[in-house]
Protein backbone atom coordinates (compact mmCIF):
# COMPACT_ATOMS: atom_id res chain seq x y z
CA UNK A 1 14.47 3.35 6.45
CA UNK A 2 12.42 0.34 6.13
CA UNK A 3 8.59 0.46 7.62
CA UNK A 4 9.72 3.97 9.18
CA UNK A 5 6.27 5.88 8.13
CA UNK A 6 6.76 9.51 7.48
CA UNK A 7 3.51 11.51 8.78
CA UNK A 8 2.63 13.25 5.52
CA UNK A 9 -0.41 14.23 3.51
CA UNK A 10 -1.92 13.58 0.29
CA UNK A 11 -4.55 15.40 -1.48
CA UNK A 12 -8.03 14.48 -1.40
CA UNK A 13 -7.40 12.12 1.75
CA UNK A 14 -6.87 14.04 5.02
CA UNK A 15 -6.71 10.88 7.30
CA UNK A 16 -3.28 8.95 7.27
CA UNK A 17 -3.73 5.60 8.97
CA UNK A 18 -0.88 4.40 11.63
CA UNK A 19 2.16 2.13 10.97
CA UNK A 20 0.04 -0.35 13.50
CA UNK A 21 -2.39 -0.92 10.58
CA UNK A 22 0.14 -1.80 7.77
CA UNK A 23 2.39 -3.68 9.44
CA UNK A 24 1.77 -6.84 8.26
CA UNK A 25 1.25 -5.62 4.84
CA UNK A 26 4.60 -4.25 4.82
CA UNK A 27 6.31 -7.44 5.97
CA UNK A 28 4.65 -9.34 3.32
CA UNK A 29 5.14 -6.82 0.52
CA UNK A 30 9.06 -6.81 1.31
CA UNK A 31 9.50 -10.56 1.07
CA UNK A 32 10.94 -12.22 -1.91
CA UNK A 33 10.50 -10.43 -5.17
CA UNK A 34 9.21 -6.94 -5.55
CA UNK A 35 5.55 -6.63 -7.64
CA UNK A 36 5.64 -4.85 -10.55
CA UNK A 37 2.48 -2.15 -11.36
CA UNK A 38 0.60 -4.85 -13.50
CA UNK A 39 0.77 -7.15 -10.57
CA UNK A 40 -0.22 -4.38 -8.16
CA UNK A 41 -3.30 -3.65 -10.52
CA UNK A 42 -4.35 -7.27 -10.62
CA UNK A 43 -4.13 -7.50 -6.63
CA UNK A 44 -6.53 -4.51 -6.63
CA UNK A 45 -9.01 -5.93 -9.16
CA UNK A 46 -8.76 -9.64 -7.23
CA UNK A 47 -10.42 -7.60 -4.45
CA UNK A 48 -12.62 -5.56 -5.94
CA UNK A 49 -13.41 -5.12 -9.45
CA UNK A 50 -13.96 -1.63 -9.02
CA UNK A 51 -10.98 -0.70 -7.70
CA UNK A 52 -8.20 1.87 -9.06
CA UNK A 53 -4.78 1.27 -9.70
CA UNK A 54 -2.65 4.33 -10.72
CA UNK A 55 0.97 4.44 -11.28
CA UNK A 56 3.01 7.32 -9.07
CA UNK A 57 1.34 9.36 -6.59
CA UNK A 58 3.23 12.64 -4.70
CA UNK A 59 2.62 12.84 -0.76
CA UNK A 60 3.10 16.48 0.38
CA UNK A 61 6.78 15.75 1.28
CA UNK A 62 7.53 15.63 -2.26
CA UNK A 63 8.06 11.62 -2.27
CA UNK A 64 7.09 9.77 -5.49
CA UNK A 65 5.72 6.77 -4.80
CA UNK A 66 5.46 3.54 -7.00
CA UNK A 67 1.64 2.66 -7.34
CA UNK A 68 -2.00 3.57 -5.52
CA UNK A 69 -4.72 1.16 -5.46
CA UNK A 70 -7.66 2.98 -4.44
CA UNK A 71 -10.96 1.22 -2.67
CA UNK A 72 -14.28 2.54 -1.82
CA UNK A 73 -15.61 1.14 1.30
CA UNK A 74 -18.95 2.36 2.62
CA UNK A 75 -18.87 5.63 0.98
CA UNK A 76 -15.32 5.96 2.19
CA UNK A 77 -12.52 6.19 -0.25
CA UNK A 78 -8.93 4.81 0.63
CA UNK A 79 -5.92 4.98 -1.15
CA UNK A 80 -3.19 2.58 -0.47
CA UNK A 81 0.22 3.66 -1.72
CA UNK A 82 3.17 1.36 -2.35
CA UNK A 83 7.42 2.82 -2.11
CA UNK A 84 9.70 2.13 -4.36
CA UNK A 85 12.09 -1.24 -3.65
CA UNK A 86 15.54 0.88 -4.00
CA UNK A 87 17.01 0.99 -0.43
CA UNK A 88 19.63 -1.37 -1.56
CA UNK A 89 21.74 -1.10 1.88
CA UNK A 90 18.76 -2.69 4.04
CA UNK A 91 19.23 -6.45 3.96
CA UNK A 92 15.62 -6.95 5.45
CA UNK A 93 13.83 -5.43 2.83
CA UNK A 94 14.73 -2.96 -0.13
CA UNK A 95 11.48 -1.05 0.43
CA UNK A 96 12.22 3.00 0.55
CA UNK A 97 9.39 3.63 3.11
CA UNK A 98 6.31 2.01 5.04
CA UNK A 99 3.50 1.55 2.82
CA UNK A 100 0.87 4.50 3.44
CA UNK A 101 -2.61 4.33 3.99
CA UNK A 102 -4.76 7.09 3.36
CA UNK A 103 -8.74 7.67 3.88
CA UNK A 104 -11.00 10.59 2.70
CA UNK A 105 -12.95 10.41 6.35
CA UNK A 106 -12.51 8.59 9.28
CA UNK A 107 -13.07 4.37 8.85
CA UNK A 108 -13.62 1.59 11.67
CA UNK A 109 -10.23 0.39 11.77
CA UNK A 110 -11.51 -3.25 11.95
CA UNK A 111 -12.89 -2.48 8.21
CA UNK A 112 -9.64 -1.04 6.90
CA UNK A 113 -7.54 -4.20 8.60
CA UNK A 114 -9.56 -6.45 6.75
CA UNK A 115 -9.13 -4.75 3.37
CA UNK A 116 -5.34 -4.52 4.09
CA UNK A 117 -5.05 -8.10 5.10
CA UNK A 118 -6.74 -9.26 1.71
CA UNK A 119 -4.38 -6.96 -0.13
CA UNK A 120 -1.62 -8.79 2.14
CA UNK A 121 -2.83 -12.33 0.83
CA UNK A 122 -3.11 -10.95 -2.82
CA UNK A 123 0.54 -10.10 -2.73
CA UNK A 124 1.22 -13.46 -1.25
CA UNK A 125 -0.39 -14.98 -4.28
CA UNK A 126 1.32 -13.05 -7.10
CA UNK A 127 4.45 -13.30 -5.26
CA UNK A 128 4.30 -16.83 -4.90
CA UNK A 129 3.90 -17.34 -8.71
CA UNK A 130 6.86 -15.25 -9.38
CA UNK A 131 8.99 -17.26 -7.51
C-alpha cells in the first residue's frame, strides 16, 4: 500500500490535500531508517519553534497514525500526519500508507509545498545522522 492515499476526514481539519503535494515527502520519509517521534518533534521545531508535535492521531477511517506535526501558516492550521513503517512485504517502502496533509481551510498550494519541502529537508538531515 505504499504511497496510496485514502480519502478520509480528520477532525478540526476539513481540507485534505492531494497526493501530488506530499509525494516528495513520502519518498524522503520512506528512504533509509524510519524516524521516531523525538525526531519528528525536532523536525517540526527546526522549521518553526511554535510547531506542535503529538504522537498518534486518528482519522475518520479508524487509522491510528504514528505521529503528527501541526503548523500555523498565515492563520491556517496545517496538520501533517505520518504513517507507521510496518508494511514489511513492500520492498520499496515499509510505510503503511501515504503521509496525509490537512488544513483548517483552503491554503495556497505553493505555501503548503514550501512547508512540505522544509519537512523533507529536515527529515533528510535527521535520517543522515542515523546512518
